[in-house]
Amino acid sequence: IRIDTRVLAATNRNLLDMVDEGTFRED
C-alpha cells in the first residue's frame, strides 16, 4: 500500500545511547 504521510517523532530518551546498546536501529 502506497502512503503519503509525514512522520514526526518524539522521545525523552537518548537514542544514540540506545543505538550503542543495540535497542534502537542506527539506520
PDB file of all heavy atoms in Angstrom:
ATOM      1  N   ILE A   1       0.862  -1.193   0.000  1.00  0.00           N
ATOM      2  CA  ILE A   1       0.000   0.000   0.000  1.00  0.00           C
ATOM      3  C   ILE A   1       0.891   1.234   0.000  1.00  0.00           C
ATOM      4  O   ILE A   1       1.744   1.402   0.889  1.00  0.00           O
ATOM      5  CB  ILE A   1      -0.937   0.007   1.221  1.00  0.00           C
ATOM      6  CG1 ILE A   1      -1.815  -1.242   1.228  1.00  0.00           C
ATOM      7  CG2 ILE A   1      -1.779   1.275   1.251  1.00  0.00           C
ATOM      8  CD1 ILE A   1      -2.647  -1.380   2.499  1.00  0.00           C
ATOM      9  N   ARG A   2       0.720   2.100  -0.989  1.00  0.00           N
ATOM     10  CA  ARG A   2       1.460   3.358  -1.055  1.00  0.00           C
ATOM     11  C   ARG A   2       0.815   4.375  -0.118  1.00  0.00           C
ATOM     12  O   ARG A   2      -0.411   4.488  -0.056  1.00  0.00           O
ATOM     13  CB  ARG A   2       1.472   3.912  -2.473  1.00  0.00           C
ATOM     14  CG  ARG A   2       2.179   3.052  -3.506  1.00  0.00           C
ATOM     15  CD  ARG A   2       3.690   3.089  -3.317  1.00  0.00           C
ATOM     16  NE  ARG A   2       4.233   4.443  -3.476  1.00  0.00           N
ATOM     17  CZ  ARG A   2       5.518   4.742  -3.352  1.00  0.00           C
ATOM     18  NH1 ARG A   2       6.390   3.784  -3.034  1.00  0.00           N
ATOM     19  NH2 ARG A   2       5.929   5.974  -3.525  1.00  0.00           N
ATOM     20  N   ILE A   3       1.638   5.126   0.615  1.00  0.00           N
ATOM     21  CA  ILE A   3       1.106   6.159   1.520  1.00  0.00           C
ATOM     22  C   ILE A   3       1.878   7.453   1.337  1.00  0.00           C
ATOM     23  O   ILE A   3       3.030   7.464   0.899  1.00  0.00           O
ATOM     24  CB  ILE A   3       1.184   5.712   2.997  1.00  0.00           C
ATOM     25  CG1 ILE A   3       2.635   5.389   3.374  1.00  0.00           C
ATOM     26  CG2 ILE A   3       0.268   4.549   3.290  1.00  0.00           C
ATOM     27  CD1 ILE A   3       2.848   5.259   4.857  1.00  0.00           C
ATOM     28  N   ASP A   4       1.229   8.538   1.666  1.00  0.00           N
ATOM     29  CA  ASP A   4       1.842   9.871   1.631  1.00  0.00           C
ATOM     30  C   ASP A   4       1.634  10.499   3.004  1.00  0.00           C
ATOM     31  O   ASP A   4       0.691  11.244   3.229  1.00  0.00           O
ATOM     32  CB  ASP A   4       1.215  10.717   0.528  1.00  0.00           C
ATOM     33  CG  ASP A   4       1.766  12.138   0.504  1.00  0.00           C
ATOM     34  OD1 ASP A   4       2.897  12.327   0.977  1.00  0.00           O
ATOM     35  OD2 ASP A   4       1.032  13.037   0.055  1.00  0.00           O
ATOM     36  N   THR A   5       2.505  10.166   3.923  1.00  0.00           N
ATOM     37  CA  THR A   5       2.352  10.595   5.314  1.00  0.00           C
ATOM     38  C   THR A   5       3.652  11.213   5.807  1.00  0.00           C
ATOM     39  O   THR A   5       4.728  10.644   5.610  1.00  0.00           O
ATOM     40  CB  THR A   5       1.997   9.397   6.220  1.00  0.00           C
ATOM     41  OG1 THR A   5       0.832   8.762   5.717  1.00  0.00           O
ATOM     42  CG2 THR A   5       1.763   9.853   7.658  1.00  0.00           C
ATOM     43  N   ARG A   6       3.541  12.370   6.432  1.00  0.00           N
ATOM     44  CA  ARG A   6       4.718  12.989   7.045  1.00  0.00           C
ATOM     45  C   ARG A   6       4.888  12.424   8.448  1.00  0.00           C
ATOM     46  O   ARG A   6       3.926  12.312   9.205  1.00  0.00           O
ATOM     47  CB  ARG A   6       4.562  14.500   7.127  1.00  0.00           C
ATOM     48  CG  ARG A   6       5.816  15.186   7.690  1.00  0.00           C
ATOM     49  CD  ARG A   6       5.652  16.669   7.802  1.00  0.00           C
ATOM     50  NE  ARG A   6       6.915  17.336   8.052  1.00  0.00           N
ATOM     51  CZ  ARG A   6       7.057  18.659   8.140  1.00  0.00           C
ATOM     52  NH1 ARG A   6       6.000  19.446   7.980  1.00  0.00           N
ATOM     53  NH2 ARG A   6       8.243  19.190   8.367  1.00  0.00           N
ATOM     54  N   VAL A   7       6.142  12.105   8.815  1.00  0.00           N
ATOM     55  CA  VAL A   7       6.419  11.494  10.112  1.00  0.00           C
ATOM     56  C   VAL A   7       7.115  12.497  11.031  1.00  0.00           C
ATOM     57  O   VAL A   7       8.151  13.077  10.685  1.00  0.00           O
ATOM     58  CB  VAL A   7       7.291  10.238   9.952  1.00  0.00           C
ATOM     59  CG1 VAL A   7       7.634   9.644  11.323  1.00  0.00           C
ATOM     60  CG2 VAL A   7       6.578   9.206   9.090  1.00  0.00           C
ATOM     61  N   LEU A   8       6.512  12.686  12.203  1.00  0.00           N
ATOM     62  CA  LEU A   8       7.125  13.433  13.292  1.00  0.00           C
ATOM     63  C   LEU A   8       7.295  12.460  14.448  1.00  0.00           C
ATOM     64  O   LEU A   8       6.397  11.667  14.737  1.00  0.00           O
ATOM     65  CB  LEU A   8       6.252  14.612  13.732  1.00  0.00           C
ATOM     66  CG  LEU A   8       5.764  15.573  12.638  1.00  0.00           C
ATOM     67  CD1 LEU A   8       4.877  16.649  13.246  1.00  0.00           C
ATOM     68  CD2 LEU A   8       6.946  16.210  11.917  1.00  0.00           C
ATOM     69  N   ALA A   9       8.436  12.490  15.100  1.00  0.00           N
ATOM     70  CA  ALA A   9       8.689  11.582  16.210  1.00  0.00           C
ATOM     71  C   ALA A   9       9.216  12.362  17.400  1.00  0.00           C
ATOM     72  O   ALA A   9       9.781  13.454  17.244  1.00  0.00           O
ATOM     73  CB  ALA A   9       9.703  10.502  15.812  1.00  0.00           C
ATOM     74  N   ALA A  10       8.994  11.814  18.595  1.00  0.00           N
ATOM     75  CA  ALA A  10       9.450  12.484  19.814  1.00  0.00           C
ATOM     76  C   ALA A  10       9.939  11.443  20.808  1.00  0.00           C
ATOM     77  O   ALA A  10       9.479  10.295  20.813  1.00  0.00           O
ATOM     78  CB  ALA A  10       8.328  13.309  20.419  1.00  0.00           C
ATOM     79  N   THR A  11      10.874  11.862  21.641  1.00  0.00           N
ATOM     80  CA  THR A  11      11.380  10.978  22.685  1.00  0.00           C
ATOM     81  C   THR A  11      12.024  11.794  23.789  1.00  0.00           C
ATOM     82  O   THR A  11      12.509  12.908  23.546  1.00  0.00           O
ATOM     83  CB  THR A  11      12.415   9.980  22.120  1.00  0.00           C
ATOM     84  OG1 THR A  11      12.824   9.093  23.157  1.00  0.00           O
ATOM     85  CG2 THR A  11      13.629  10.699  21.568  1.00  0.00           C
ATOM     86  N   ASN A  12      12.007  11.216  24.993  1.00  0.00           N
ATOM     87  CA  ASN A  12      12.726  11.831  26.107  1.00  0.00           C
ATOM     88  C   ASN A  12      13.989  11.039  26.433  1.00  0.00           C
ATOM     89  O   ASN A  12      14.626  11.269  27.451  1.00  0.00           O
ATOM     90  CB  ASN A  12      11.837  11.911  27.351  1.00  0.00           C
ATOM     91  CG  ASN A  12      11.355  10.548  27.821  1.00  0.00           C
ATOM     92  OD1 ASN A  12      11.722   9.526  27.257  1.00  0.00           O
ATOM     93  ND2 ASN A  12      10.528  10.540  28.844  1.00  0.00           N
ATOM     94  N   ARG A  13      14.314  10.077  25.567  1.00  0.00           N
ATOM     95  CA  ARG A  13      15.485   9.237  25.780  1.00  0.00           C
ATOM     96  C   ARG A  13      16.604   9.621  24.806  1.00  0.00           C
ATOM     97  O   ARG A  13      16.366  10.280  23.793  1.00  0.00           O
ATOM     98  CB  ARG A  13      15.119   7.766  25.601  1.00  0.00           C
ATOM     99  CG  ARG A  13      14.010   7.305  26.544  1.00  0.00           C
ATOM    100  CD  ARG A  13      13.705   5.837  26.392  1.00  0.00           C
ATOM    101  NE  ARG A  13      14.855   4.997  26.745  1.00  0.00           N
ATOM    102  CZ  ARG A  13      14.832   3.667  26.709  1.00  0.00           C
ATOM    103  NH1 ARG A  13      13.732   3.028  26.327  1.00  0.00           N
ATOM    104  NH2 ARG A  13      15.904   2.973  27.044  1.00  0.00           N
ATOM    105  N   ASN A  14      17.827   9.184  25.143  1.00  0.00           N
ATOM    106  CA  ASN A  14      18.974   9.419  24.269  1.00  0.00           C
ATOM    107  C   ASN A  14      19.067   8.256  23.285  1.00  0.00           C
ATOM    108  O   ASN A  14      19.527   7.165  23.627  1.00  0.00           O
ATOM    109  CB  ASN A  14      20.262   9.532  25.097  1.00  0.00           C
ATOM    110  CG  ASN A  14      21.446   9.986  24.264  1.00  0.00           C
ATOM    111  OD1 ASN A  14      21.609   9.578  23.125  1.00  0.00           O
ATOM    112  ND2 ASN A  14      22.283  10.835  24.841  1.00  0.00           N
ATOM    113  N   LEU A  15      18.619   8.495  22.068  1.00  0.00           N
ATOM    114  CA  LEU A  15      18.566   7.417  21.080  1.00  0.00           C
ATOM    115  C   LEU A  15      19.944   6.914  20.682  1.00  0.00           C
ATOM    116  O   LEU A  15      20.110   5.742  20.354  1.00  0.00           O
ATOM    117  CB  LEU A  15      17.793   7.882  19.846  1.00  0.00           C
ATOM    118  CG  LEU A  15      16.304   8.209  20.057  1.00  0.00           C
ATOM    119  CD1 LEU A  15      15.641   8.549  18.732  1.00  0.00           C
ATOM    120  CD2 LEU A  15      15.587   7.043  20.734  1.00  0.00           C
ATOM    121  N   LEU A  16      20.949   7.789  20.708  1.00  0.00           N
ATOM    122  CA  LEU A  16      22.302   7.341  20.365  1.00  0.00           C
ATOM    123  C   LEU A  16      22.820   6.336  21.389  1.00  0.00           C
ATOM    124  O   LEU A  16      23.509   5.370  21.029  1.00  0.00           O
ATOM    125  CB  LEU A  16      23.244   8.539  20.268  1.00  0.00           C
ATOM    126  CG  LEU A  16      23.210   9.311  18.947  1.00  0.00           C
ATOM    127  CD1 LEU A  16      24.160  10.495  19.003  1.00  0.00           C
ATOM    128  CD2 LEU A  16      23.586   8.404  17.776  1.00  0.00           C
ATOM    129  N   ASP A  17      22.492   6.578  22.671  1.00  0.00           N
ATOM    130  CA  ASP A  17      22.869   5.596  23.688  1.00  0.00           C
ATOM    131  C   ASP A  17      22.161   4.270  23.430  1.00  0.00           C
ATOM    132  O   ASP A  17      22.751   3.191  23.603  1.00  0.00           O
ATOM    133  CB  ASP A  17      22.521   6.117  25.086  1.00  0.00           C
ATOM    134  CG  ASP A  17      23.467   7.212  25.546  1.00  0.00           C
ATOM    135  OD1 ASP A  17      24.512   7.389  24.894  1.00  0.00           O
ATOM    136  OD2 ASP A  17      23.157   7.894  26.536  1.00  0.00           O
ATOM    137  N   MET A  18      20.903   4.340  23.010  1.00  0.00           N
ATOM    138  CA  MET A  18      20.154   3.121  22.720  1.00  0.00           C
ATOM    139  C   MET A  18      20.744   2.408  21.502  1.00  0.00           C
ATOM    140  O   MET A  18      20.751   1.177  21.437  1.00  0.00           O
ATOM    141  CB  MET A  18      18.682   3.462  22.484  1.00  0.00           C
ATOM    142  CG  MET A  18      17.978   4.014  23.712  1.00  0.00           C
ATOM    143  SD  MET A  18      16.236   4.359  23.408  1.00  0.00           S
ATOM    144  CE  MET A  18      15.607   2.692  23.112  1.00  0.00           C
ATOM    145  N   VAL A  19      21.237   3.197  20.539  1.00  0.00           N
ATOM    146  CA  VAL A  19      21.901   2.591  19.387  1.00  0.00           C
ATOM    147  C   VAL A  19      23.128   1.807  19.845  1.00  0.00           C
ATOM    148  O   VAL A  19      23.368   0.666  19.421  1.00  0.00           O
ATOM    149  CB  VAL A  19      22.295   3.668  18.354  1.00  0.00           C
ATOM    150  CG1 VAL A  19      23.227   3.085  17.295  1.00  0.00           C
ATOM    151  CG2 VAL A  19      21.056   4.262  17.700  1.00  0.00           C
ATOM    152  N   ASP A  20      23.908   2.415  20.749  1.00  0.00           N
ATOM    153  CA  ASP A  20      25.105   1.734  21.263  1.00  0.00           C
ATOM    154  C   ASP A  20      24.730   0.479  22.045  1.00  0.00           C
ATOM    155  O   ASP A  20      25.478  -0.506  22.044  1.00  0.00           O
ATOM    156  CB  ASP A  20      25.904   2.689  22.156  1.00  0.00           C
ATOM    157  CG  ASP A  20      26.502   3.847  21.369  1.00  0.00           C
ATOM    158  OD1 ASP A  20      26.666   3.701  20.145  1.00  0.00           O
ATOM    159  OD2 ASP A  20      26.791   4.896  21.974  1.00  0.00           O
ATOM    160  N   GLU A  21      23.584   0.521  22.708  1.00  0.00           N
ATOM    161  CA  GLU A  21      23.137  -0.630  23.498  1.00  0.00           C
ATOM    162  C   GLU A  21      22.486  -1.711  22.629  1.00  0.00           C
ATOM    163  O   GLU A  21      22.188  -2.805  23.119  1.00  0.00           O
ATOM    164  CB  GLU A  21      22.150  -0.169  24.573  1.00  0.00           C
ATOM    165  CG  GLU A  21      22.770   0.763  25.622  1.00  0.00           C
ATOM    166  CD  GLU A  21      21.716   1.487  26.442  1.00  0.00           C
ATOM    167  OE1 GLU A  21      20.511   1.229  26.202  1.00  0.00           O
ATOM    168  OE2 GLU A  21      22.089   2.287  27.310  1.00  0.00           O
ATOM    169  N   GLY A  22      22.205  -1.391  21.383  1.00  0.00           N
ATOM    170  CA  GLY A  22      21.586  -2.350  20.485  1.00  0.00           C
ATOM    171  C   GLY A  22      20.085  -2.431  20.607  1.00  0.00           C
ATOM    172  O   GLY A  22      19.458  -3.355  20.084  1.00  0.00           O
ATOM    173  N   THR A  23      19.453  -1.444  21.259  1.00  0.00           N
ATOM    174  CA  THR A  23      17.995  -1.454  21.426  1.00  0.00           C
ATOM    175  C   THR A  23      17.291  -0.515  20.454  1.00  0.00           C
ATOM    176  O   THR A  23      16.059  -0.424  20.473  1.00  0.00           O
ATOM    177  CB  THR A  23      17.618  -1.075  22.867  1.00  0.00           C
ATOM    178  OG1 THR A  23      18.194   0.198  23.191  1.00  0.00           O
ATOM    179  CG2 THR A  23      18.133  -2.114  23.853  1.00  0.00           C
ATOM    180  N   PHE A  24      18.063   0.197  19.637  1.00  0.00           N
ATOM    181  CA  PHE A  24      17.456   1.066  18.630  1.00  0.00           C
ATOM    182  C   PHE A  24      18.295   1.001  17.368  1.00  0.00           C
ATOM    183  O   PHE A  24      19.526   1.089  17.420  1.00  0.00           O
ATOM    184  CB  PHE A  24      17.360   2.510  19.128  1.00  0.00           C
ATOM    185  CG  PHE A  24      16.350   3.341  18.388  1.00  0.00           C
ATOM    186  CD1 PHE A  24      15.020   3.350  18.766  1.00  0.00           C
ATOM    187  CD2 PHE A  24      16.725   4.112  17.288  1.00  0.00           C
ATOM    188  CE1 PHE A  24      14.077   4.103  18.073  1.00  0.00           C
ATOM    189  CE2 PHE A  24      15.793   4.864  16.598  1.00  0.00           C
ATOM    190  CZ  PHE A  24      14.462   4.855  16.990  1.00  0.00           C
ATOM    191  N   ARG A  25      17.624   0.851  16.234  1.00  0.00           N
ATOM    192  CA  ARG A  25      18.321   0.697  14.961  1.00  0.00           C
ATOM    193  C   ARG A  25      19.035   1.992  14.576  1.00  0.00           C
ATOM    194  O   ARG A  25      18.432   3.068  14.585  1.00  0.00           O
ATOM    195  CB  ARG A  25      17.351   0.309  13.857  1.00  0.00           C
ATOM    196  CG  ARG A  25      16.760  -1.081  13.994  1.00  0.00           C
ATOM    197  CD  ARG A  25      15.861  -1.357  12.805  1.00  0.00           C
ATOM    198  NE  ARG A  25      16.605  -1.312  11.547  1.00  0.00           N
ATOM    199  CZ  ARG A  25      16.841  -2.360  10.774  1.00  0.00           C
ATOM    200  NH1 ARG A  25      16.402  -3.564  11.138  1.00  0.00           N
ATOM    201  NH2 ARG A  25      17.510  -2.241   9.651  1.00  0.00           N
ATOM    202  N   GLU A  26      20.313   1.867  14.216  1.00  0.00           N
ATOM    203  CA  GLU A  26      21.090   3.040  13.842  1.00  0.00           C
ATOM    204  C   GLU A  26      20.568   3.663  12.554  1.00  0.00           C
ATOM    205  O   GLU A  26      20.479   4.903  12.441  1.00  0.00           O
ATOM    206  CB  GLU A  26      22.562   2.663  13.688  1.00  0.00           C
ATOM    207  CG  GLU A  26      23.470   3.850  13.437  1.00  0.00           C
ATOM    208  CD  GLU A  26      24.935   3.472  13.464  1.00  0.00           C
ATOM    209  OE1 GLU A  26      25.233   2.254  13.465  1.00  0.00           O
ATOM    210  OE2 GLU A  26      25.780   4.390  13.476  1.00  0.00           O
ATOM    211  N   ASP A  27      20.204   2.828  11.574  1.00  0.00           N
ATOM    212  CA  ASP A  27      19.715   3.374  10.307  1.00  0.00           C
ATOM    213  C   ASP A  27      18.386   4.087  10.506  1.00  0.00           C
ATOM    214  O   ASP A  27      18.115   5.103   9.858  1.00  0.00           O
ATOM    215  CB  ASP A  27      19.593   2.279   9.245  1.00  0.00           C
ATOM    216  CG  ASP A  27      18.910   1.016   9.768  1.00  0.00           C
ATOM    217  OD1 ASP A  27      18.429   1.033  10.921  1.00  0.00           O
ATOM    218  OD2 ASP A  27      18.875   0.021   9.018  1.00  0.00           O
TER     219      ASP A  27
END
